[in-house]
Amino acid sequence: VREEMFLEARFGDSFRSWAREVPAL
């Protein structure tokens, strides 16, 4: 959660698009 909050703040829509398509576990 901590890492993904940082990545979303850093990469914005690019991260959100990747996170929607790629499962976490």
mmCIF file of all heavy atoms, coordinates in Angstrom:
data_MODEL
# 
_entry.id   MODEL 
# 
loop_
_atom_site.group_PDB 
_atom_site.id 
_atom_site.type_symbol 
_atom_site.label_atom_id 
_atom_site.label_alt_id 
_atom_site.label_comp_id 
_atom_site.label_asym_id 
_atom_site.label_entity_id 
_atom_site.label_seq_id 
_atom_site.pdbx_PDB_ins_code 
_atom_site.Cartn_x 
_atom_site.Cartn_y 
_atom_site.Cartn_z 
_atom_site.occupancy 
_atom_site.B_iso_or_equiv 
_atom_site.pdbx_formal_charge 
_atom_site.auth_seq_id 
_atom_site.auth_comp_id 
_atom_site.auth_asym_id 
_atom_site.auth_atom_id 
_atom_site.pdbx_PDB_model_num 
ATOM 1   N N   . VAL A 1 1  ? 0.839  -1.194  0.000   1.00 0.00 ? 1  VAL A N   1 
ATOM 2   C CA  . VAL A 1 1  ? 0.000  0.000   0.000   1.00 0.00 ? 1  VAL A CA  1 
ATOM 3   C C   . VAL A 1 1  ? 0.873  1.243   0.000   1.00 0.00 ? 1  VAL A C   1 
ATOM 4   O O   . VAL A 1 1  ? 0.635  2.201   -0.755  1.00 0.00 ? 1  VAL A O   1 
ATOM 5   C CB  . VAL A 1 1  ? -0.956 0.006   1.212   1.00 0.00 ? 1  VAL A CB  1 
ATOM 6   C CG1 . VAL A 1 1  ? -1.602 1.378   1.384   1.00 0.00 ? 1  VAL A CG1 1 
ATOM 7   C CG2 . VAL A 1 1  ? -2.035 -1.049  1.026   1.00 0.00 ? 1  VAL A CG2 1 
ATOM 8   N N   . ARG A 1 2  ? 1.897  1.238   0.843   1.00 0.00 ? 2  ARG A N   1 
ATOM 9   C CA  . ARG A 1 2  ? 2.821  2.385   0.900   1.00 0.00 ? 2  ARG A CA  1 
ATOM 10  C C   . ARG A 1 2  ? 3.509  2.592   -0.443  1.00 0.00 ? 2  ARG A C   1 
ATOM 11  O O   . ARG A 1 2  ? 3.615  3.717   -0.943  1.00 0.00 ? 2  ARG A O   1 
ATOM 12  C CB  . ARG A 1 2  ? 3.865  2.141   2.003   1.00 0.00 ? 2  ARG A CB  1 
ATOM 13  C CG  . ARG A 1 2  ? 5.002  3.169   2.004   1.00 0.00 ? 2  ARG A CG  1 
ATOM 14  C CD  . ARG A 1 2  ? 4.490  4.570   2.304   1.00 0.00 ? 2  ARG A CD  1 
ATOM 15  N NE  . ARG A 1 2  ? 5.565  5.531   2.296   1.00 0.00 ? 2  ARG A NE  1 
ATOM 16  C CZ  . ARG A 1 2  ? 5.942  6.221   1.222   1.00 0.00 ? 2  ARG A CZ  1 
ATOM 17  N NH1 . ARG A 1 2  ? 5.324  6.024   0.060   1.00 0.00 ? 2  ARG A NH1 1 
ATOM 18  N NH2 . ARG A 1 2  ? 6.921  7.099   1.287   1.00 0.00 ? 2  ARG A NH2 1 
ATOM 19  N N   . GLU A 1 3  ? 3.973  1.531   -1.060  1.00 0.00 ? 3  GLU A N   1 
ATOM 20  C CA  . GLU A 1 3  ? 4.677  1.629   -2.331  1.00 0.00 ? 3  GLU A CA  1 
ATOM 21  C C   . GLU A 1 3  ? 3.753  2.117   -3.449  1.00 0.00 ? 3  GLU A C   1 
ATOM 22  O O   . GLU A 1 3  ? 4.130  2.969   -4.259  1.00 0.00 ? 3  GLU A O   1 
ATOM 23  C CB  . GLU A 1 3  ? 5.268  0.275   -2.693  1.00 0.00 ? 3  GLU A CB  1 
ATOM 24  C CG  . GLU A 1 3  ? 6.385  -0.143  -1.758  1.00 0.00 ? 3  GLU A CG  1 
ATOM 25  C CD  . GLU A 1 3  ? 6.890  -1.543  -2.058  1.00 0.00 ? 3  GLU A CD  1 
ATOM 26  O OE1 . GLU A 1 3  ? 6.186  -2.281  -2.788  1.00 0.00 ? 3  GLU A OE1 1 
ATOM 27  O OE2 . GLU A 1 3  ? 7.967  -1.883  -1.577  1.00 0.00 ? 3  GLU A OE2 1 
ATOM 28  N N   . GLU A 1 4  ? 2.540  1.589   -3.464  1.00 0.00 ? 4  GLU A N   1 
ATOM 29  C CA  . GLU A 1 4  ? 1.638  1.962   -4.541  1.00 0.00 ? 4  GLU A CA  1 
ATOM 30  C C   . GLU A 1 4  ? 1.143  3.398   -4.395  1.00 0.00 ? 4  GLU A C   1 
ATOM 31  O O   . GLU A 1 4  ? 0.866  4.069   -5.389  1.00 0.00 ? 4  GLU A O   1 
ATOM 32  C CB  . GLU A 1 4  ? 0.481  0.972   -4.617  1.00 0.00 ? 4  GLU A CB  1 
ATOM 33  C CG  . GLU A 1 4  ? 0.949  -0.415  -5.034  1.00 0.00 ? 4  GLU A CG  1 
ATOM 34  C CD  . GLU A 1 4  ? -0.178 -1.293  -5.542  1.00 0.00 ? 4  GLU A CD  1 
ATOM 35  O OE1 . GLU A 1 4  ? -1.356 -0.863  -5.469  1.00 0.00 ? 4  GLU A OE1 1 
ATOM 36  O OE2 . GLU A 1 4  ? 0.122  -2.399  -6.018  1.00 0.00 ? 4  GLU A OE2 1 
ATOM 37  N N   . MET A 1 5  ? 1.047  3.882   -3.173  1.00 0.00 ? 5  MET A N   1 
ATOM 38  C CA  . MET A 1 5  ? 0.705  5.296   -2.982  1.00 0.00 ? 5  MET A CA  1 
ATOM 39  C C   . MET A 1 5  ? 1.806  6.175   -3.556  1.00 0.00 ? 5  MET A C   1 
ATOM 40  O O   . MET A 1 5  ? 1.531  7.189   -4.208  1.00 0.00 ? 5  MET A O   1 
ATOM 41  C CB  . MET A 1 5  ? 0.491  5.590   -1.496  1.00 0.00 ? 5  MET A CB  1 
ATOM 42  C CG  . MET A 1 5  ? -0.761 4.952   -0.911  1.00 0.00 ? 5  MET A CG  1 
ATOM 43  S SD  . MET A 1 5  ? -0.961 5.245   0.862   1.00 0.00 ? 5  MET A SD  1 
ATOM 44  C CE  . MET A 1 5  ? -1.337 6.994   0.871   1.00 0.00 ? 5  MET A CE  1 
ATOM 45  N N   . PHE A 1 6  ? 3.060  5.789   -3.320  1.00 0.00 ? 6  PHE A N   1 
ATOM 46  C CA  . PHE A 1 6  ? 4.182  6.547   -3.884  1.00 0.00 ? 6  PHE A CA  1 
ATOM 47  C C   . PHE A 1 6  ? 4.168  6.485   -5.407  1.00 0.00 ? 6  PHE A C   1 
ATOM 48  O O   . PHE A 1 6  ? 4.332  7.495   -6.091  1.00 0.00 ? 6  PHE A O   1 
ATOM 49  C CB  . PHE A 1 6  ? 5.503  5.989   -3.354  1.00 0.00 ? 6  PHE A CB  1 
ATOM 50  C CG  . PHE A 1 6  ? 6.689  6.437   -4.171  1.00 0.00 ? 6  PHE A CG  1 
ATOM 51  C CD1 . PHE A 1 6  ? 7.187  7.723   -4.055  1.00 0.00 ? 6  PHE A CD1 1 
ATOM 52  C CD2 . PHE A 1 6  ? 7.296  5.560   -5.073  1.00 0.00 ? 6  PHE A CD2 1 
ATOM 53  C CE1 . PHE A 1 6  ? 8.267  8.133   -4.825  1.00 0.00 ? 6  PHE A CE1 1 
ATOM 54  C CE2 . PHE A 1 6  ? 8.368  5.968   -5.834  1.00 0.00 ? 6  PHE A CE2 1 
ATOM 55  C CZ  . PHE A 1 6  ? 8.855  7.261   -5.715  1.00 0.00 ? 6  PHE A CZ  1 
ATOM 56  N N   . LEU A 1 7  ? 3.961  5.288   -5.958  1.00 0.00 ? 7  LEU A N   1 
ATOM 57  C CA  . LEU A 1 7  ? 3.987  5.127   -7.412  1.00 0.00 ? 7  LEU A CA  1 
ATOM 58  C C   . LEU A 1 7  ? 2.849  5.882   -8.092  1.00 0.00 ? 7  LEU A C   1 
ATOM 59  O O   . LEU A 1 7  ? 3.032  6.458   -9.164  1.00 0.00 ? 7  LEU A O   1 
ATOM 60  C CB  . LEU A 1 7  ? 3.913  3.640   -7.764  1.00 0.00 ? 7  LEU A CB  1 
ATOM 61  C CG  . LEU A 1 7  ? 5.130  2.799   -7.354  1.00 0.00 ? 7  LEU A CG  1 
ATOM 62  C CD1 . LEU A 1 7  ? 4.888  1.333   -7.672  1.00 0.00 ? 7  LEU A CD1 1 
ATOM 63  C CD2 . LEU A 1 7  ? 6.388  3.298   -8.046  1.00 0.00 ? 7  LEU A CD2 1 
ATOM 64  N N   . GLU A 1 8  ? 1.681  5.890   -7.470  1.00 0.00 ? 8  GLU A N   1 
ATOM 65  C CA  . GLU A 1 8  ? 0.566  6.641   -8.055  1.00 0.00 ? 8  GLU A CA  1 
ATOM 66  C C   . GLU A 1 8  ? 0.860  8.129   -8.063  1.00 0.00 ? 8  GLU A C   1 
ATOM 67  O O   . GLU A 1 8  ? 0.579  8.828   -9.040  1.00 0.00 ? 8  GLU A O   1 
ATOM 68  C CB  . GLU A 1 8  ? -0.716 6.356   -7.285  1.00 0.00 ? 8  GLU A CB  1 
ATOM 69  C CG  . GLU A 1 8  ? -1.923 7.048   -7.903  1.00 0.00 ? 8  GLU A CG  1 
ATOM 70  C CD  . GLU A 1 8  ? -3.208 6.774   -7.147  1.00 0.00 ? 8  GLU A CD  1 
ATOM 71  O OE1 . GLU A 1 8  ? -3.129 6.300   -5.997  1.00 0.00 ? 8  GLU A OE1 1 
ATOM 72  O OE2 . GLU A 1 8  ? -4.284 7.036   -7.702  1.00 0.00 ? 8  GLU A OE2 1 
ATOM 73  N N   . ALA A 1 9  ? 1.438  8.627   -6.966  1.00 0.00 ? 9  ALA A N   1 
ATOM 74  C CA  . ALA A 1 9  ? 1.783  10.044  -6.908  1.00 0.00 ? 9  ALA A CA  1 
ATOM 75  C C   . ALA A 1 9  ? 2.877  10.389  -7.911  1.00 0.00 ? 9  ALA A C   1 
ATOM 76  O O   . ALA A 1 9  ? 2.893  11.486  -8.477  1.00 0.00 ? 9  ALA A O   1 
ATOM 77  C CB  . ALA A 1 9  ? 2.228  10.411  -5.492  1.00 0.00 ? 9  ALA A CB  1 
ATOM 78  N N   . ARG A 1 10 ? 3.790  9.446   -8.144  1.00 0.00 ? 10 ARG A N   1 
ATOM 79  C CA  . ARG A 1 10 ? 4.924  9.697   -9.039  1.00 0.00 ? 10 ARG A CA  1 
ATOM 80  C C   . ARG A 1 10 ? 4.542  9.562   -10.509 1.00 0.00 ? 10 ARG A C   1 
ATOM 81  O O   . ARG A 1 10 ? 4.945  10.363  -11.345 1.00 0.00 ? 10 ARG A O   1 
ATOM 82  C CB  . ARG A 1 10 ? 6.064  8.710   -8.703  1.00 0.00 ? 10 ARG A CB  1 
ATOM 83  C CG  . ARG A 1 10 ? 7.276  8.798   -9.643  1.00 0.00 ? 10 ARG A CG  1 
ATOM 84  C CD  . ARG A 1 10 ? 7.997  10.110  -9.478  1.00 0.00 ? 10 ARG A CD  1 
ATOM 85  N NE  . ARG A 1 10 ? 9.194  10.152  -10.297 1.00 0.00 ? 10 ARG A NE  1 
ATOM 86  C CZ  . ARG A 1 10 ? 9.193  10.470  -11.600 1.00 0.00 ? 10 ARG A CZ  1 
ATOM 87  N NH1 . ARG A 1 10 ? 8.042  10.763  -12.210 1.00 0.00 ? 10 ARG A NH1 1 
ATOM 88  N NH2 . ARG A 1 10 ? 10.324 10.497  -12.279 1.00 0.00 ? 10 ARG A NH2 1 
ATOM 89  N N   . PHE A 1 11 ? 3.728  8.542   -10.851 1.00 0.00 ? 11 PHE A N   1 
ATOM 90  C CA  . PHE A 1 11 ? 3.467  8.249   -12.262 1.00 0.00 ? 11 PHE A CA  1 
ATOM 91  C C   . PHE A 1 11 ? 2.016  8.471   -12.687 1.00 0.00 ? 11 PHE A C   1 
ATOM 92  O O   . PHE A 1 11 ? 1.704  8.352   -13.867 1.00 0.00 ? 11 PHE A O   1 
ATOM 93  C CB  . PHE A 1 11 ? 3.872  6.807   -12.572 1.00 0.00 ? 11 PHE A CB  1 
ATOM 94  C CG  . PHE A 1 11 ? 5.331  6.545   -12.378 1.00 0.00 ? 11 PHE A CG  1 
ATOM 95  C CD1 . PHE A 1 11 ? 5.787  5.855   -11.262 1.00 0.00 ? 11 PHE A CD1 1 
ATOM 96  C CD2 . PHE A 1 11 ? 6.265  7.000   -13.298 1.00 0.00 ? 11 PHE A CD2 1 
ATOM 97  C CE1 . PHE A 1 11 ? 7.139  5.617   -11.068 1.00 0.00 ? 11 PHE A CE1 1 
ATOM 98  C CE2 . PHE A 1 11 ? 7.613  6.770   -13.119 1.00 0.00 ? 11 PHE A CE2 1 
ATOM 99  C CZ  . PHE A 1 11 ? 8.063  6.076   -11.998 1.00 0.00 ? 11 PHE A CZ  1 
ATOM 100 N N   . GLY A 1 12 ? 1.126  8.759   -11.751 1.00 0.00 ? 12 GLY A N   1 
ATOM 101 C CA  . GLY A 1 12 ? -0.235 9.152   -12.077 1.00 0.00 ? 12 GLY A CA  1 
ATOM 102 C C   . GLY A 1 12 ? -1.003 8.153   -12.923 1.00 0.00 ? 12 GLY A C   1 
ATOM 103 O O   . GLY A 1 12 ? -1.139 6.978   -12.568 1.00 0.00 ? 12 GLY A O   1 
ATOM 104 N N   . ASP A 1 13 ? -1.503 8.598   -14.062 1.00 0.00 ? 13 ASP A N   1 
ATOM 105 C CA  . ASP A 1 13 ? -2.348 7.767   -14.916 1.00 0.00 ? 13 ASP A CA  1 
ATOM 106 C C   . ASP A 1 13 ? -1.615 6.534   -15.437 1.00 0.00 ? 13 ASP A C   1 
ATOM 107 O O   . ASP A 1 13 ? -2.237 5.492   -15.652 1.00 0.00 ? 13 ASP A O   1 
ATOM 108 C CB  . ASP A 1 13 ? -2.881 8.580   -16.092 1.00 0.00 ? 13 ASP A CB  1 
ATOM 109 C CG  . ASP A 1 13 ? -3.935 9.595   -15.665 1.00 0.00 ? 13 ASP A CG  1 
ATOM 110 O OD1 . ASP A 1 13 ? -4.523 9.407   -14.584 1.00 0.00 ? 13 ASP A OD1 1 
ATOM 111 O OD2 . ASP A 1 13 ? -4.155 10.578  -16.419 1.00 0.00 ? 13 ASP A OD2 1 
ATOM 112 N N   . SER A 1 14 ? -0.323 6.644   -15.653 1.00 0.00 ? 14 SER A N   1 
ATOM 113 C CA  . SER A 1 14 ? 0.445  5.484   -16.125 1.00 0.00 ? 14 SER A CA  1 
ATOM 114 C C   . SER A 1 14 ? 0.397  4.362   -15.097 1.00 0.00 ? 14 SER A C   1 
ATOM 115 O O   . SER A 1 14 ? 0.201  3.193   -15.442 1.00 0.00 ? 14 SER A O   1 
ATOM 116 C CB  . SER A 1 14 ? 1.898  5.884   -16.395 1.00 0.00 ? 14 SER A CB  1 
ATOM 117 O OG  . SER A 1 14 ? 1.988  6.810   -17.447 1.00 0.00 ? 14 SER A OG  1 
ATOM 118 N N   . PHE A 1 15 ? 0.554  4.727   -13.825 1.00 0.00 ? 15 PHE A N   1 
ATOM 119 C CA  . PHE A 1 15 ? 0.464  3.712   -12.786 1.00 0.00 ? 15 PHE A CA  1 
ATOM 120 C C   . PHE A 1 15 ? -0.946 3.156   -12.679 1.00 0.00 ? 15 PHE A C   1 
ATOM 121 O O   . PHE A 1 15 ? -1.142 1.946   -12.571 1.00 0.00 ? 15 PHE A O   1 
ATOM 122 C CB  . PHE A 1 15 ? 0.882  4.288   -11.432 1.00 0.00 ? 15 PHE A CB  1 
ATOM 123 C CG  . PHE A 1 15 ? 0.513  3.389   -10.286 1.00 0.00 ? 15 PHE A CG  1 
ATOM 124 C CD1 . PHE A 1 15 ? 1.282  2.287   -9.982  1.00 0.00 ? 15 PHE A CD1 1 
ATOM 125 C CD2 . PHE A 1 15 ? -0.641 3.620   -9.539  1.00 0.00 ? 15 PHE A CD2 1 
ATOM 126 C CE1 . PHE A 1 15 ? 0.938  1.426   -8.940  1.00 0.00 ? 15 PHE A CE1 1 
ATOM 127 C CE2 . PHE A 1 15 ? -0.994 2.775   -8.504  1.00 0.00 ? 15 PHE A CE2 1 
ATOM 128 C CZ  . PHE A 1 15 ? -0.206 1.680   -8.217  1.00 0.00 ? 15 PHE A CZ  1 
ATOM 129 N N   . ARG A 1 16 ? -1.957 4.032   -12.700 1.00 0.00 ? 16 ARG A N   1 
ATOM 130 C CA  . ARG A 1 16 ? -3.337 3.572   -12.555 1.00 0.00 ? 16 ARG A CA  1 
ATOM 131 C C   . ARG A 1 16 ? -3.732 2.631   -13.685 1.00 0.00 ? 16 ARG A C   1 
ATOM 132 O O   . ARG A 1 16 ? -4.423 1.631   -13.463 1.00 0.00 ? 16 ARG A O   1 
ATOM 133 C CB  . ARG A 1 16 ? -4.284 4.767   -12.463 1.00 0.00 ? 16 ARG A CB  1 
ATOM 134 C CG  . ARG A 1 16 ? -4.229 5.488   -11.111 1.00 0.00 ? 16 ARG A CG  1 
ATOM 135 C CD  . ARG A 1 16 ? -5.317 6.530   -11.004 1.00 0.00 ? 16 ARG A CD  1 
ATOM 136 N NE  . ARG A 1 16 ? -4.995 7.713   -11.789 1.00 0.00 ? 16 ARG A NE  1 
ATOM 137 C CZ  . ARG A 1 16 ? -4.340 8.764   -11.311 1.00 0.00 ? 16 ARG A CZ  1 
ATOM 138 N NH1 . ARG A 1 16 ? -3.897 8.760   -10.052 1.00 0.00 ? 16 ARG A NH1 1 
ATOM 139 N NH2 . ARG A 1 16 ? -4.093 9.812   -12.077 1.00 0.00 ? 16 ARG A NH2 1 
ATOM 140 N N   . SER A 1 17 ? -3.299 2.936   -14.894 1.00 0.00 ? 17 SER A N   1 
ATOM 141 C CA  . SER A 1 17 ? -3.599 2.060   -16.025 1.00 0.00 ? 17 SER A CA  1 
ATOM 142 C C   . SER A 1 17 ? -2.937 0.704   -15.859 1.00 0.00 ? 17 SER A C   1 
ATOM 143 O O   . SER A 1 17 ? -3.560 -0.342  -16.086 1.00 0.00 ? 17 SER A O   1 
ATOM 144 C CB  . SER A 1 17 ? -3.129 2.723   -17.329 1.00 0.00 ? 17 SER A CB  1 
ATOM 145 O OG  . SER A 1 17 ? -3.317 1.864   -18.436 1.00 0.00 ? 17 SER A OG  1 
ATOM 146 N N   . TRP A 1 18 ? -1.677 0.710   -15.424 1.00 0.00 ? 18 TRP A N   1 
ATOM 147 C CA  . TRP A 1 18 ? -0.943 -0.547  -15.198 1.00 0.00 ? 18 TRP A CA  1 
ATOM 148 C C   . TRP A 1 18 ? -1.580 -1.348  -14.056 1.00 0.00 ? 18 TRP A C   1 
ATOM 149 O O   . TRP A 1 18 ? -1.757 -2.565  -14.163 1.00 0.00 ? 18 TRP A O   1 
ATOM 150 C CB  . TRP A 1 18 ? 0.504  -0.208  -14.889 1.00 0.00 ? 18 TRP A CB  1 
ATOM 151 C CG  . TRP A 1 18 ? 1.351  -1.346  -14.439 1.00 0.00 ? 18 TRP A CG  1 
ATOM 152 C CD1 . TRP A 1 18 ? 1.757  -2.423  -15.178 1.00 0.00 ? 18 TRP A CD1 1 
ATOM 153 C CD2 . TRP A 1 18 ? 1.905  -1.530  -13.135 1.00 0.00 ? 18 TRP A CD2 1 
ATOM 154 N NE1 . TRP A 1 18 ? 2.538  -3.257  -14.428 1.00 0.00 ? 18 TRP A NE1 1 
ATOM 155 C CE2 . TRP A 1 18 ? 2.644  -2.733  -13.165 1.00 0.00 ? 18 TRP A CE2 1 
ATOM 156 C CE3 . TRP A 1 18 ? 1.863  -0.795  -11.960 1.00 0.00 ? 18 TRP A CE3 1 
ATOM 157 C CZ2 . TRP A 1 18 ? 3.330  -3.212  -12.051 1.00 0.00 ? 18 TRP A CZ2 1 
ATOM 158 C CZ3 . TRP A 1 18 ? 2.550  -1.266  -10.853 1.00 0.00 ? 18 TRP A CZ3 1 
ATOM 159 C CH2 . TRP A 1 18 ? 3.262  -2.468  -10.909 1.00 0.00 ? 18 TRP A CH2 1 
ATOM 160 N N   . ALA A 1 19 ? -1.950 -0.675  -12.983 1.00 0.00 ? 19 ALA A N   1 
ATOM 161 C CA  . ALA A 1 19 ? -2.528 -1.359  -11.823 1.00 0.00 ? 19 ALA A CA  1 
ATOM 162 C C   . ALA A 1 19 ? -3.895 -1.952  -12.144 1.00 0.00 ? 19 ALA A C   1 
ATOM 163 O O   . ALA A 1 19 ? -4.272 -2.978  -11.576 1.00 0.00 ? 19 ALA A O   1 
ATOM 164 C CB  . ALA A 1 19 ? -2.639 -0.390  -10.641 1.00 0.00 ? 19 ALA A CB  1 
ATOM 165 N N   . ARG A 1 20 ? -4.653 -1.319  -13.028 1.00 0.00 ? 20 ARG A N   1 
ATOM 166 C CA  . ARG A 1 20 ? -5.943 -1.872  -13.414 1.00 0.00 ? 20 ARG A CA  1 
ATOM 167 C C   . ARG A 1 20 ? -5.795 -3.163  -14.213 1.00 0.00 ? 20 ARG A C   1 
ATOM 168 O O   . ARG A 1 20 ? -6.644 -4.056  -14.128 1.00 0.00 ? 20 ARG A O   1 
ATOM 169 C CB  . ARG A 1 20 ? -6.741 -0.850  -14.240 1.00 0.00 ? 20 ARG A CB  1 
ATOM 170 C CG  . ARG A 1 20 ? -7.421 0.233   -13.427 1.00 0.00 ? 20 ARG A CG  1 
ATOM 171 C CD  . ARG A 1 20 ? -8.443 0.982   -14.257 1.00 0.00 ? 20 ARG A CD  1 
ATOM 172 N NE  . ARG A 1 20 ? -7.822 1.666   -15.399 1.00 0.00 ? 20 ARG A NE  1 
ATOM 173 C CZ  . ARG A 1 20 ? -7.392 2.912   -15.355 1.00 0.00 ? 20 ARG A CZ  1 
ATOM 174 N NH1 . ARG A 1 20 ? -7.505 3.617   -14.244 1.00 0.00 ? 20 ARG A NH1 1 
ATOM 175 N NH2 . ARG A 1 20 ? -6.850 3.466   -16.413 1.00 0.00 ? 20 ARG A NH2 1 
ATOM 176 N N   . GLU A 1 21 ? -4.732 -3.264  -14.972 1.00 0.00 ? 21 GLU A N   1 
ATOM 177 C CA  . GLU A 1 21 ? -4.561 -4.405  -15.875 1.00 0.00 ? 21 GLU A CA  1 
ATOM 178 C C   . GLU A 1 21 ? -3.778 -5.557  -15.253 1.00 0.00 ? 21 GLU A C   1 
ATOM 179 O O   . GLU A 1 21 ? -3.978 -6.718  -15.606 1.00 0.00 ? 21 GLU A O   1 
ATOM 180 C CB  . GLU A 1 21 ? -3.850 -3.946  -17.162 1.00 0.00 ? 21 GLU A CB  1 
ATOM 181 C CG  . GLU A 1 21 ? -4.602 -2.894  -17.954 1.00 0.00 ? 21 GLU A CG  1 
ATOM 182 C CD  . GLU A 1 21 ? -5.921 -3.412  -18.480 1.00 0.00 ? 21 GLU A CD  1 
ATOM 183 O OE1 . GLU A 1 21 ? -6.007 -4.627  -18.767 1.00 0.00 ? 21 GLU A OE1 1 
ATOM 184 O OE2 . GLU A 1 21 ? -6.871 -2.617  -18.599 1.00 0.00 ? 21 GLU A OE2 1 
ATOM 185 N N   . VAL A 1 22 ? -2.874 -5.245  -14.334 1.00 0.00 ? 22 VAL A N   1 
ATOM 186 C CA  . VAL A 1 22 ? -1.968 -6.259  -13.785 1.00 0.00 ? 22 VAL A CA  1 
ATOM 187 C C   . VAL A 1 22 ? -2.380 -6.594  -12.353 1.00 0.00 ? 22 VAL A C   1 
ATOM 188 O O   . VAL A 1 22 ? -2.468 -5.696  -11.508 1.00 0.00 ? 22 VAL A O   1 
ATOM 189 C CB  . VAL A 1 22 ? -0.502 -5.765  -13.815 1.00 0.00 ? 22 VAL A CB  1 
ATOM 190 C CG1 . VAL A 1 22 ? 0.430  -6.808  -13.215 1.00 0.00 ? 22 VAL A CG1 1 
ATOM 191 C CG2 . VAL A 1 22 ? -0.087 -5.426  -15.241 1.00 0.00 ? 22 VAL A CG2 1 
ATOM 192 N N   . PRO A 1 23 ? -2.639 -7.870  -12.050 1.00 0.00 ? 23 PRO A N   1 
ATOM 193 C CA  . PRO A 1 23 ? -3.037 -8.252  -10.682 1.00 0.00 ? 23 PRO A CA  1 
ATOM 194 C C   . PRO A 1 23 ? -1.893 -8.064  -9.697  1.00 0.00 ? 23 PRO A C   1 
ATOM 195 O O   . PRO A 1 23 ? -0.716 -8.063  -10.075 1.00 0.00 ? 23 PRO A O   1 
ATOM 196 C CB  . PRO A 1 23 ? -3.421 -9.726  -10.828 1.00 0.00 ? 23 PRO A CB  1 
ATOM 197 C CG  . PRO A 1 23 ? -2.682 -10.202 -12.033 1.00 0.00 ? 23 PRO A CG  1 
ATOM 198 C CD  . PRO A 1 23 ? -2.602 -9.027  -12.968 1.00 0.00 ? 23 PRO A CD  1 
ATOM 199 N N   . ALA A 1 24 ? -2.243 -7.925  -8.443  1.00 0.00 ? 24 ALA A N   1 
ATOM 200 C CA  . ALA A 1 24 ? -1.239 -7.659  -7.416  1.00 0.00 ? 24 ALA A CA  1 
ATOM 201 C C   . ALA A 1 24 ? -0.538 -8.917  -6.940  1.00 0.00 ? 24 ALA A C   1 
ATOM 202 O O   . ALA A 1 24 ? 0.646  -8.883  -6.614  1.00 0.00 ? 24 ALA A O   1 
ATOM 203 C CB  . ALA A 1 24 ? -1.886 -6.950  -6.224  1.00 0.00 ? 24 ALA A CB  1 
ATOM 204 N N   . LEU A 1 25 ? -1.247 -10.037 -6.875  1.00 0.00 ? 25 LEU A N   1 
ATOM 205 C CA  . LEU A 1 25 ? -0.683 -11.224 -6.236  1.00 0.00 ? 25 LEU A CA  1 
ATOM 206 C C   . LEU A 1 25 ? -0.689 -12.466 -7.114  1.00 0.00 ? 25 LEU A C   1 
ATOM 207 O O   . LEU A 1 25 ? 0.305  -13.186 -7.175  1.00 0.00 ? 25 LEU A O   1 
ATOM 208 C CB  . LEU A 1 25 ? -1.443 -11.516 -4.942  1.00 0.00 ? 25 LEU A CB  1 
ATOM 209 C CG  . LEU A 1 25 ? -0.945 -12.703 -4.116  1.00 0.00 ? 25 LEU A CG  1 
ATOM 210 C CD1 . LEU A 1 25 ? 0.495  -12.462 -3.671  1.00 0.00 ? 25 LEU A CD1 1 
ATOM 211 C CD2 . LEU A 1 25 ? -1.842 -12.918 -2.905  1.00 0.00 ? 25 LEU A CD2 1 
# 
